[in-house]
Amino acid sequence: MLKISGTGTLIVSSYGAIHPMELEAGQEYMVDTGHLVTFEEHLKFNVKKVAGWKSTLFSGEGLVIELTGPGKLTLQSRSQDSFLSWLIPLLPKQTTYVSSSS
């Protein structure tokens, strides 16, 4: 996580569309950590695992964040993991060339 403060314009990028949300006081929202882009500092949050520790440690998956309002957050419609899962099979395979000398 990065903490940003100061004045001026902040530019962020995401995988897919950015969806703004506003939580009311006491309202809870749970989201996969790969879809969370930003949230206000005063929002309460708790990171939880939803899979076994082995799965979480070795794959990086299985973590969600539970946010409690009031406050604003933004979500991305796609996650980096799902984007890479789609992209990697489409990349060209590396070819090894063997040269012969005469």
PDB file of N, CA and C in Angstrom:
ATOM      1  N   MET A   1       0.835  -1.184   0.000  1.00  0.00           N
ATOM      2  CA  MET A   1       0.000   0.000   0.000  1.00  0.00           C
ATOM      3  C   MET A   1       0.871   1.236   0.000  1.00  0.00           C
ATOM      4  N   LEU A   2       0.401   2.232  -0.680  1.00  0.00           N
ATOM      5  CA  LEU A   2       1.067   3.527  -0.696  1.00  0.00           C
ATOM      6  C   LEU A   2       0.155   4.561  -0.054  1.00  0.00           C
ATOM      7  N   LYS A   3       0.732   5.443   0.761  1.00  0.00           N
ATOM      8  CA  LYS A   3      -0.034   6.537   1.349  1.00  0.00           C
ATOM      9  C   LYS A   3       0.342   7.807   0.602  1.00  0.00           C
ATOM     10  N   ILE A   4      -0.656   8.462   0.052  1.00  0.00           N
ATOM     11  CA  ILE A   4      -0.441   9.680  -0.724  1.00  0.00           C
ATOM     12  C   ILE A   4      -1.077  10.853   0.022  1.00  0.00           C
ATOM     13  N   SER A   5      -0.345  11.953   0.138  1.00  0.00           N
ATOM     14  CA  SER A   5      -0.912  13.156   0.747  1.00  0.00           C
ATOM     15  C   SER A   5      -0.334  14.376   0.050  1.00  0.00           C
ATOM     16  N   GLY A   6      -0.966  15.503   0.262  1.00  0.00           N
ATOM     17  CA  GLY A   6      -0.485  16.739  -0.334  1.00  0.00           C
ATOM     18  C   GLY A   6      -1.561  17.399  -1.167  1.00  0.00           C
ATOM     19  N   THR A   7      -1.146  18.397  -1.930  1.00  0.00           N
ATOM     20  CA  THR A   7      -2.079  19.097  -2.802  1.00  0.00           C
ATOM     21  C   THR A   7      -1.687  18.847  -4.248  1.00  0.00           C
ATOM     22  N   GLY A   8      -2.649  18.971  -5.120  1.00  0.00           N
ATOM     23  CA  GLY A   8      -2.380  18.764  -6.536  1.00  0.00           C
ATOM     24  C   GLY A   8      -3.211  17.627  -7.092  1.00  0.00           C
ATOM     25  N   THR A   9      -2.872  17.241  -8.293  1.00  0.00           N
ATOM     26  CA  THR A   9      -3.604  16.192  -8.989  1.00  0.00           C
ATOM     27  C   THR A   9      -2.875  14.862  -8.852  1.00  0.00           C
ATOM     28  N   LEU A  10      -3.609  13.830  -8.535  1.00  0.00           N
ATOM     29  CA  LEU A  10      -3.064  12.483  -8.452  1.00  0.00           C
ATOM     30  C   LEU A  10      -3.603  11.693  -9.638  1.00  0.00           C
ATOM     31  N   ILE A  11      -2.713  11.056 -10.365  1.00  0.00           N
ATOM     32  CA  ILE A  11      -3.107  10.224 -11.491  1.00  0.00           C
ATOM     33  C   ILE A  11      -2.831   8.774 -11.129  1.00  0.00           C
ATOM     34  N   VAL A  12      -3.842   7.941 -11.265  1.00  0.00           N
ATOM     35  CA  VAL A  12      -3.689   6.509 -10.999  1.00  0.00           C
ATOM     36  C   VAL A  12      -4.111   5.743 -12.245  1.00  0.00           C
ATOM     37  N   SER A  13      -3.575   4.549 -12.388  1.00  0.00           N
ATOM     38  CA  SER A  13      -4.001   3.706 -13.497  1.00  0.00           C
ATOM     39  C   SER A  13      -4.585   2.424 -12.933  1.00  0.00           C
ATOM     40  N   SER A  14      -5.343   1.737 -13.762  1.00  0.00           N
ATOM     41  CA  SER A  14      -5.976   0.503 -13.305  1.00  0.00           C
ATOM     42  C   SER A  14      -6.099  -0.450 -14.473  1.00  0.00           C
ATOM     43  N   TYR A  15      -6.488  -1.664 -14.161  1.00  0.00           N
ATOM     44  CA  TYR A  15      -6.798  -2.666 -15.169  1.00  0.00           C
ATOM     45  C   TYR A  15      -8.306  -2.659 -15.320  1.00  0.00           C
ATOM     46  N   GLY A  16      -8.780  -2.120 -16.409  1.00  0.00           N
ATOM     47  CA  GLY A  16     -10.216  -2.002 -16.612  1.00  0.00           C
ATOM     48  C   GLY A  16     -10.715  -0.659 -16.133  1.00  0.00           C
ATOM     49  N   ALA A  17     -12.016  -0.581 -15.939  1.00  0.00           N
ATOM     50  CA  ALA A  17     -12.658   0.672 -15.541  1.00  0.00           C
ATOM     51  C   ALA A  17     -12.492   0.920 -14.046  1.00  0.00           C
ATOM     52  N   ILE A  18     -12.513   2.188 -13.669  1.00  0.00           N
ATOM     53  CA  ILE A  18     -12.477   2.576 -12.258  1.00  0.00           C
ATOM     54  C   ILE A  18     -13.898   2.900 -11.820  1.00  0.00           C
ATOM     55  N   HIS A  19     -14.327   2.288 -10.725  1.00  0.00           N
ATOM     56  CA  HIS A  19     -15.671   2.492 -10.200  1.00  0.00           C
ATOM     57  C   HIS A  19     -15.586   3.162  -8.830  1.00  0.00           C
ATOM     58  N   PRO A  20     -16.055   4.419  -8.708  1.00  0.00           N
ATOM     59  CA  PRO A  20     -16.062   5.073  -7.394  1.00  0.00           C
ATOM     60  C   PRO A  20     -17.215   4.555  -6.537  1.00  0.00           C
ATOM     61  N   MET A  21     -16.974   4.483  -5.241  1.00  0.00           N
ATOM     62  CA  MET A  21     -18.004   4.077  -4.279  1.00  0.00           C
ATOM     63  C   MET A  21     -17.907   4.969  -3.052  1.00  0.00           C
ATOM     64  N   GLU A  22     -19.019   5.152  -2.391  1.00  0.00           N
ATOM     65  CA  GLU A  22     -19.025   5.876  -1.121  1.00  0.00           C
ATOM     66  C   GLU A  22     -19.783   5.047  -0.102  1.00  0.00           C
ATOM     67  N   LEU A  23     -19.124   4.749   1.013  1.00  0.00           N
ATOM     68  CA  LEU A  23     -19.739   3.972   2.083  1.00  0.00           C
ATOM     69  C   LEU A  23     -20.315   4.912   3.136  1.00  0.00           C
ATOM     70  N   GLU A  24     -21.494   4.580   3.599  1.00  0.00           N
ATOM     71  CA  GLU A  24     -22.126   5.335   4.685  1.00  0.00           C
ATOM     72  C   GLU A  24     -21.489   4.922   6.012  1.00  0.00           C
ATOM     73  N   ALA A  25     -21.729   5.690   7.062  1.00  0.00           N
ATOM     74  CA  ALA A  25     -21.193   5.371   8.386  1.00  0.00           C
ATOM     75  C   ALA A  25     -21.631   3.974   8.804  1.00  0.00           C
ATOM     76  N   GLY A  26     -20.659   3.126   9.148  1.00  0.00           N
ATOM     77  CA  GLY A  26     -20.930   1.771   9.594  1.00  0.00           C
ATOM     78  C   GLY A  26     -21.157   0.759   8.476  1.00  0.00           C
ATOM     79  N   GLN A  27     -21.305   1.227   7.244  1.00  0.00           N
ATOM     80  CA  GLN A  27     -21.506   0.309   6.123  1.00  0.00           C
ATOM     81  C   GLN A  27     -20.220  -0.452   5.841  1.00  0.00           C
ATOM     82  N   GLU A  28     -20.339  -1.767   5.659  1.00  0.00           N
ATOM     83  CA  GLU A  28     -19.170  -2.600   5.378  1.00  0.00           C
ATOM     84  C   GLU A  28     -19.190  -3.048   3.927  1.00  0.00           C
ATOM     85  N   TYR A  29     -17.992  -3.201   3.346  1.00  0.00           N
ATOM     86  CA  TYR A  29     -17.858  -3.674   1.979  1.00  0.00           C
ATOM     87  C   TYR A  29     -16.618  -4.544   1.903  1.00  0.00           C
ATOM     88  N   MET A  30     -16.762  -5.748   1.351  1.00  0.00           N
ATOM     89  CA  MET A  30     -15.638  -6.660   1.238  1.00  0.00           C
ATOM     90  C   MET A  30     -15.292  -6.820  -0.239  1.00  0.00           C
ATOM     91  N   VAL A  31     -13.990  -6.737  -0.560  1.00  0.00           N
ATOM     92  CA  VAL A  31     -13.553  -6.822  -1.951  1.00  0.00           C
ATOM     93  C   VAL A  31     -12.209  -7.545  -2.021  1.00  0.00           C
ATOM     94  N   ASP A  32     -11.972  -8.254  -3.114  1.00  0.00           N
ATOM     95  CA  ASP A  32     -10.680  -8.883  -3.368  1.00  0.00           C
ATOM     96  C   ASP A  32      -9.617  -7.787  -3.419  1.00  0.00           C
ATOM     97  N   THR A  33      -8.478  -8.024  -2.795  1.00  0.00           N
ATOM     98  CA  THR A  33      -7.435  -6.992  -2.744  1.00  0.00           C
ATOM     99  C   THR A  33      -6.955  -6.583  -4.137  1.00  0.00           C
ATOM    100  N   GLY A  34      -7.083  -7.455  -5.123  1.00  0.00           N
ATOM    101  CA  GLY A  34      -6.660  -7.142  -6.476  1.00  0.00           C
ATOM    102  C   GLY A  34      -7.553  -6.154  -7.193  1.00  0.00           C
ATOM    103  N   HIS A  35      -8.723  -5.854  -6.632  1.00  0.00           N
ATOM    104  CA  HIS A  35      -9.657  -4.926  -7.273  1.00  0.00           C
ATOM    105  C   HIS A  35      -9.699  -3.558  -6.593  1.00  0.00           C
ATOM    106  N   LEU A  36      -9.069  -3.417  -5.445  1.00  0.00           N
ATOM    107  CA  LEU A  36      -9.079  -2.139  -4.725  1.00  0.00           C
ATOM    108  C   LEU A  36      -8.005  -1.226  -5.291  1.00  0.00           C
ATOM    109  N   VAL A  37      -8.380   0.001  -5.662  1.00  0.00           N
ATOM    110  CA  VAL A  37      -7.425   0.971  -6.204  1.00  0.00           C
ATOM    111  C   VAL A  37      -7.071   2.007  -5.145  1.00  0.00           C
ATOM    112  N   THR A  38      -8.066   2.682  -4.590  1.00  0.00           N
ATOM    113  CA  THR A  38      -7.819   3.710  -3.576  1.00  0.00           C
ATOM    114  C   THR A  38      -8.898   3.653  -2.496  1.00  0.00           C
ATOM    115  N   PHE A  39      -8.539   4.173  -1.314  1.00  0.00           N
ATOM    116  CA  PHE A  39      -9.547   4.401  -0.284  1.00  0.00           C
ATOM    117  C   PHE A  39      -9.045   5.496   0.638  1.00  0.00           C
ATOM    118  N   GLU A  40     -10.000   6.242   1.204  1.00  0.00           N
ATOM    119  CA  GLU A  40      -9.642   7.342   2.090  1.00  0.00           C
ATOM    120  C   GLU A  40      -9.037   6.810   3.378  1.00  0.00           C
ATOM    121  N   GLU A  41      -8.091   7.582   3.910  1.00  0.00           N
ATOM    122  CA  GLU A  41      -7.318   7.173   5.083  1.00  0.00           C
ATOM    123  C   GLU A  41      -8.184   6.853   6.293  1.00  0.00           C
ATOM    124  N   HIS A  42      -9.288   7.556   6.460  1.00  0.00           N
ATOM    125  CA  HIS A  42     -10.101   7.353   7.669  1.00  0.00           C
ATOM    126  C   HIS A  42     -11.029   6.137   7.586  1.00  0.00           C
ATOM    127  N   LEU A  43     -11.117   5.473   6.419  1.00  0.00           N
ATOM    128  CA  LEU A  43     -11.891   4.234   6.335  1.00  0.00           C
ATOM    129  C   LEU A  43     -11.205   3.157   7.162  1.00  0.00           C
ATOM    130  N   LYS A  44     -11.952   2.440   7.952  1.00  0.00           N
ATOM    131  CA  LYS A  44     -11.389   1.320   8.703  1.00  0.00           C
ATOM    132  C   LYS A  44     -11.259   0.148   7.741  1.00  0.00           C
ATOM    133  N   PHE A  45     -10.165  -0.620   7.870  1.00  0.00           N
ATOM    134  CA  PHE A  45     -10.010  -1.773   6.986  1.00  0.00           C
ATOM    135  C   PHE A  45      -9.379  -2.936   7.734  1.00  0.00           C
ATOM    136  N   ASN A  46      -9.667  -4.128   7.224  1.00  0.00           N
ATOM    137  CA  ASN A  46      -9.143  -5.351   7.805  1.00  0.00           C
ATOM    138  C   ASN A  46      -8.895  -6.329   6.656  1.00  0.00           C
ATOM    139  N   VAL A  47      -7.663  -6.818   6.513  1.00  0.00           N
ATOM    140  CA  VAL A  47      -7.329  -7.786   5.479  1.00  0.00           C
ATOM    141  C   VAL A  47      -7.561  -9.182   6.037  1.00  0.00           C
ATOM    142  N   LYS A  48      -8.270 -10.005   5.260  1.00  0.00           N
ATOM    143  CA  LYS A  48      -8.607 -11.356   5.706  1.00  0.00           C
ATOM    144  C   LYS A  48      -8.236 -12.353   4.616  1.00  0.00           C
ATOM    145  N   LYS A  49      -7.981 -13.592   5.031  1.00  0.00           N
ATOM    146  CA  LYS A  49      -7.745 -14.654   4.055  1.00  0.00           C
ATOM    147  C   LYS A  49      -9.042 -15.424   3.879  1.00  0.00           C
ATOM    148  N   VAL A  50      -9.277 -15.866   2.639  1.00  0.00           N
ATOM    149  CA  VAL A  50     -10.476 -16.650   2.377  1.00  0.00           C
ATOM    150  C   VAL A  50     -10.126 -18.061   1.930  1.00  0.00           C
ATOM    151  N   ALA A  51      -8.838 -18.341   1.807  1.00  0.00           N
ATOM    152  CA  ALA A  51      -8.373 -19.688   1.458  1.00  0.00           C
ATOM    153  C   ALA A  51      -7.395 -20.123   2.535  1.00  0.00           C
ATOM    154  N   GLY A  52      -6.837 -21.298   2.370  1.00  0.00           N
ATOM    155  CA  GLY A  52      -5.842 -21.767   3.322  1.00  0.00           C
ATOM    156  C   GLY A  52      -4.561 -20.940   3.228  1.00  0.00           C
ATOM    157  N   TRP A  53      -3.759 -20.960   4.288  1.00  0.00           N
ATOM    158  CA  TRP A  53      -2.512 -20.185   4.310  1.00  0.00           C
ATOM    159  C   TRP A  53      -1.565 -20.602   3.193  1.00  0.00           C
ATOM    160  N   LYS A  54      -1.491 -21.904   2.895  1.00  0.00           N
ATOM    161  CA  LYS A  54      -0.593 -22.387   1.844  1.00  0.00           C
ATOM    162  C   LYS A  54      -0.966 -21.755   0.511  1.00  0.00           C
ATOM    163  N   SER A  55      -2.246 -21.754   0.188  1.00  0.00           N
ATOM    164  CA  SER A  55      -2.722 -21.151  -1.061  1.00  0.00           C
ATOM    165  C   SER A  55      -2.426 -19.656  -1.086  1.00  0.00           C
ATOM    166  N   THR A  56      -2.658 -18.979   0.022  1.00  0.00           N
ATOM    167  CA  THR A  56      -2.438 -17.538   0.101  1.00  0.00           C
ATOM    168  C   THR A  56      -0.959 -17.192  -0.050  1.00  0.00           C
ATOM    169  N   LEU A  57      -0.082 -17.924   0.633  1.00  0.00           N
ATOM    170  CA  LEU A  57       1.349 -17.615   0.593  1.00  0.00           C
ATOM    171  C   LEU A  57       1.988 -17.905  -0.754  1.00  0.00           C
ATOM    172  N   PHE A  58       1.614 -19.007  -1.386  1.00  0.00           N
ATOM    173  CA  PHE A  58       2.280 -19.410  -2.612  1.00  0.00           C
ATOM    174  C   PHE A  58       1.656 -18.828  -3.877  1.00  0.00           C
ATOM    175  N   SER A  59       0.404 -18.444  -3.840  1.00  0.00           N
ATOM    176  CA  SER A  59      -0.225 -17.911  -5.053  1.00  0.00           C
ATOM    177  C   SER A  59      -0.533 -16.429  -4.941  1.00  0.00           C
ATOM    178  N   GLY A  60      -0.546 -15.879  -3.712  1.00  0.00           N
ATOM    179  CA  GLY A  60      -0.903 -14.477  -3.549  1.00  0.00           C
ATOM    180  C   GLY A  60      -2.393 -14.243  -3.616  1.00  0.00           C
ATOM    181  N   GLU A  61      -3.150 -15.308  -3.838  1.00  0.00           N
ATOM    182  CA  GLU A  61      -4.596 -15.189  -3.912  1.00  0.00           C
ATOM    183  C   GLU A  61      -5.202 -15.531  -2.566  1.00  0.00           C
ATOM    184  N   GLY A  62      -6.489 -15.277  -2.450  1.00  0.00           N
ATOM    185  CA  GLY A  62      -7.169 -15.641  -1.228  1.00  0.00           C
ATOM    186  C   GLY A  62      -7.198 -14.550  -0.186  1.00  0.00           C
ATOM    187  N   LEU A  63      -6.850 -13.316  -0.571  1.00  0.00           N
ATOM    188  CA  LEU A  63      -6.917 -12.193   0.365  1.00  0.00           C
ATOM    189  C   LEU A  63      -8.032 -11.244  -0.053  1.00  0.00           C
ATOM    190  N   VAL A  64      -8.805 -10.838   0.925  1.00  0.00           N
ATOM    191  CA  VAL A  64      -9.833  -9.821   0.712  1.00  0.00           C
ATOM    192  C   VAL A  64      -9.614  -8.716   1.735  1.00  0.00           C
ATOM    193  N   ILE A  65     -10.177  -7.560   1.444  1.00  0.00           N
ATOM    194  CA  ILE A  65     -10.107  -6.450   2.403  1.00  0.00           C
ATOM    195  C   ILE A  65     -11.533  -6.039   2.728  1.00  0.00           C
ATOM    196  N   GLU A  66     -11.803  -5.916   4.010  1.00  0.00           N
ATOM    197  CA  GLU A  66     -13.110  -5.487   4.481  1.00  0.00           C
ATOM    198  C   GLU A  66     -12.984  -4.030   4.914  1.00  0.00           C
ATOM    199  N   LEU A  67     -13.738  -3.161   4.267  1.00  0.00           N
ATOM    200  CA  LEU A  67     -13.706  -1.724   4.556  1.00  0.00           C
ATOM    201  C   LEU A  67     -14.991  -1.331   5.281  1.00  0.00           C
ATOM    202  N   THR A  68     -14.873  -0.412   6.229  1.00  0.00           N
ATOM    203  CA  THR A  68     -16.030   0.076   6.966  1.00  0.00           C
ATOM    204  C   THR A  68     -16.074   1.592   6.877  1.00  0.00           C
ATOM    205  N   GLY A  69     -17.234   2.133   6.445  1.00  0.00           N
ATOM    206  CA  GLY A  69     -17.421   3.569   6.236  1.00  0.00           C
ATOM    207  C   GLY A  69     -17.630   4.330   7.514  1.00  0.00           C
ATOM    208  N   PRO A  70     -17.674   5.641   7.375  1.00  0.00           N
ATOM    209  CA  PRO A  70     -17.927   6.378   6.144  1.00  0.00           C
ATOM    210  C   PRO A  70     -16.643   6.680   5.380  1.00  0.00           C
ATOM    211  N   GLY A  71     -16.786   6.805   4.057  1.00  0.00           N
ATOM    212  CA  GLY A  71     -15.656   7.211   3.240  1.00  0.00           C
ATOM    213  C   GLY A  71     -15.788   6.752   1.804  1.00  0.00           C
ATOM    214  N   LYS A  72     -14.848   7.230   0.988  1.00  0.00           N
ATOM    215  CA  LYS A  72     -14.849   6.939  -0.445  1.00  0.00           C
ATOM    216  C   LYS A  72     -13.751   5.942  -0.792  1.00  0.00           C
ATOM    217  N   LEU A  73     -14.028   5.134  -1.813  1.00  0.00           N
ATOM    218  CA  LEU A  73     -13.041   4.200  -2.335  1.00  0.00           C
ATOM    219  C   LEU A  73     -13.256   4.067  -3.835  1.00  0.00           C
ATOM    220  N   THR A  74     -12.259   3.543  -4.513  1.00  0.00           N
ATOM    221  CA  THR A  74     -12.400   3.246  -5.932  1.00  0.00           C
ATOM    222  C   THR A  74     -11.951   1.813  -6.175  1.00  0.00           C
ATOM    223  N   LEU A  75     -12.653   1.158  -7.099  1.00  0.00           N
ATOM    224  CA  LEU A  75     -12.373  -0.223  -7.461  1.00  0.00           C
ATOM    225  C   LEU A  75     -12.030  -0.282  -8.944  1.00  0.00           C
ATOM    226  N   GLN A  76     -11.265  -1.296  -9.325  1.00  0.00           N
ATOM    227  CA  GLN A  76     -11.013  -1.529 -10.736  1.00  0.00           C
ATOM    228  C   GLN A  76     -11.789  -2.766 -11.168  1.00  0.00           C
ATOM    229  N   SER A  77     -12.261  -2.745 -12.414  1.00  0.00           N
ATOM    230  CA  SER A  77     -13.124  -3.833 -12.874  1.00  0.00           C
ATOM    231  C   SER A  77     -12.358  -5.117 -13.163  1.00  0.00           C
ATOM    232  N   ARG A  78     -11.051  -5.036 -13.335  1.00  0.00           N
ATOM    233  CA  ARG A  78     -10.239  -6.221 -13.586  1.00  0.00           C
ATOM    234  C   ARG A  78      -9.079  -6.224 -12.596  1.00  0.00           C
ATOM    235  N   SER A  79      -8.514  -7.397 -12.368  1.00  0.00           N
ATOM    236  CA  SER A  79      -7.348  -7.470 -11.487  1.00  0.00           C
ATOM    237  C   SER A  79      -6.110  -7.765 -12.325  1.00  0.00           C
ATOM    238  N   GLN A  80      -4.957  -7.404 -11.801  1.00  0.00           N
ATOM    239  CA  GLN A  80      -3.694  -7.656 -12.492  1.00  0.00           C
ATOM    240  C   GLN A  80      -3.504  -9.153 -12.728  1.00  0.00           C
ATOM    241  N   ASP A  81      -3.844  -9.983 -11.752  1.00  0.00           N
ATOM    242  CA  ASP A  81      -3.691 -11.429 -11.892  1.00  0.00           C
ATOM    243  C   ASP A  81      -4.527 -11.976 -13.041  1.00  0.00           C
ATOM    244  N   SER A  82      -5.787 -11.538 -13.143  1.00  0.00           N
ATOM    245  CA  SER A  82      -6.620 -12.048 -14.228  1.00  0.00           C
ATOM    246  C   SER A  82      -6.143 -11.524 -15.577  1.00  0.00           C
ATOM    247  N   PHE A  83      -5.636 -10.303 -15.619  1.00  0.00           N
ATOM    248  CA  PHE A  83      -5.089  -9.755 -16.853  1.00  0.00           C
ATOM    249  C   PHE A  83      -3.883 -10.577 -17.309  1.00  0.00           C
ATOM    250  N   LEU A  84      -2.968 -10.876 -16.386  1.00  0.00           N
ATOM    251  CA  LEU A  84      -1.788 -11.665 -16.738  1.00  0.00           C
ATOM    252  C   LEU A  84      -2.167 -13.092 -17.126  1.00  0.00           C
ATOM    253  N   SER A  85      -3.165 -13.667 -16.471  1.00  0.00           N
ATOM    254  CA  SER A  85      -3.626 -15.010 -16.828  1.00  0.00           C
ATOM    255  C   SER A  85      -4.162 -15.044 -18.255  1.00  0.00           C
ATOM    256  N   TRP A  86      -4.769 -13.948 -18.686  1.00  0.00           N
ATOM    257  CA  TRP A  86      -5.270 -13.849 -20.056  1.00  0.00           C
ATOM    258  C   TRP A  86      -4.127 -13.589 -21.033  1.00  0.00           C
ATOM    259  N   LEU A  87      -3.187 -12.715 -20.656  1.00  0.00           N
ATOM    260  CA  LEU A  87      -2.141 -12.265 -21.568  1.00  0.00           C
ATOM    261  C   LEU A  87      -1.041 -13.298 -21.809  1.00  0.00           C
ATOM    262  N   ILE A  88      -0.548 -13.933 -20.783  1.00  0.00           N
ATOM    263  CA  ILE A  88       0.628 -14.814 -20.899  1.00  0.00           C
ATOM    264  C   ILE A  88       0.448 -15.923 -21.939  1.00  0.00           C
ATOM    265  N   PRO A  89      -0.698 -16.600 -21.997  1.00  0.00           N
ATOM    266  CA  PRO A  89      -0.840 -17.635 -23.033  1.00  0.00           C
ATOM    267  C   PRO A  89      -0.810 -17.075 -24.461  1.00  0.00           C
ATOM    268  N   LEU A  90      -1.082 -15.784 -24.625  1.00  0.00           N
ATOM    269  CA  LEU A  90      -1.094 -15.176 -25.952  1.00  0.00           C
ATOM    270  C   LEU A  90       0.285 -14.718 -26.422  1.00  0.00           C
ATOM    271  N   LEU A  91       1.253 -14.646 -25.506  1.00  0.00           N
ATOM    272  CA  LEU A  91       2.595 -14.203 -25.872  1.00  0.00           C
ATOM    273  C   LEU A  91       3.286 -15.254 -26.727  1.00  0.00           C
ATOM    274  N   PRO A  92       4.091 -14.808 -27.702  1.00  0.00           N
ATOM    275  CA  PRO A  92       4.806 -15.781 -28.535  1.00  0.00           C
ATOM    276  C   PRO A  92       5.787 -16.587 -27.701  1.00  0.00           C
ATOM    277  N   LYS A  93       5.913 -17.841 -28.077  1.00  0.00           N
ATOM    278  CA  LYS A  93       6.857 -18.716 -27.390  1.00  0.00           C
ATOM    279  C   LYS A  93       8.263 -18.402 -27.879  1.00  0.00           C
ATOM    280  N   GLN A  94       9.229 -18.498 -26.992  1.00  0.00           N
ATOM    281  CA  GLN A  94      10.616 -18.229 -27.355  1.00  0.00           C
ATOM    282  C   GLN A  94      11.138 -19.385 -28.214  1.00  0.00           C
ATOM    283  N   THR A  95      11.773 -19.046 -29.323  1.00  0.00           N
ATOM    284  CA  THR A  95      12.315 -20.048 -30.228  1.00  0.00           C
ATOM    285  C   THR A  95      13.832 -20.029 -30.140  1.00  0.00           C
ATOM    286  N   THR A  96      14.423 -21.204 -30.072  1.00  0.00           N
ATOM    287  CA  THR A  96      15.873 -21.311 -30.021  1.00  0.00           C
ATOM    288  C   THR A  96      16.374 -21.659 -31.428  1.00  0.00           C
ATOM    289  N   TYR A  97      17.298 -20.870 -31.911  1.00  0.00           N
ATOM    290  CA  TYR A  97      17.883 -21.110 -33.219  1.00  0.00           C
ATOM    291  C   TYR A  97      19.276 -21.683 -33.057  1.00  0.00           C
ATOM    292  N   VAL A  98      19.565 -22.688 -33.818  1.00  0.00           N
ATOM    293  CA  VAL A  98      20.904 -23.311 -33.797  1.00  0.00           C
ATOM    294  C   VAL A  98      21.544 -23.003 -35.128  1.00  0.00           C
ATOM    295  N   SER A  99      22.713 -22.389 -35.058  1.00  0.00           N
ATOM    296  CA  SER A  99      23.394 -22.084 -36.314  1.00  0.00           C
ATOM    297  C   SER A  99      24.460 -23.148 -36.585  1.00  0.00           C
ATOM    298  N   SER A 100      24.624 -23.459 -37.823  1.00  0.00           N
ATOM    299  CA  SER A 100      25.657 -24.415 -38.188  1.00  0.00           C
ATOM    300  C   SER A 100      26.753 -23.690 -38.946  1.00  0.00           C
ATOM    301  N   SER A 101      27.966 -24.023 -38.656  1.00  0.00           N
ATOM    302  CA  SER A 101      29.087 -23.373 -39.337  1.00  0.00           C
ATOM    303  C   SER A 101      29.648 -24.326 -40.379  1.00  0.00           C
ATOM    304  N   SER A 102      30.092 -23.774 -41.490  1.00  0.00           N
ATOM    305  CA  SER A 102      30.619 -24.604 -42.570  1.00  0.00           C
ATOM    306  C   SER A 102      32.104 -24.688 -42.522  1.00  0.00           C
TER     307      SER A 102
END
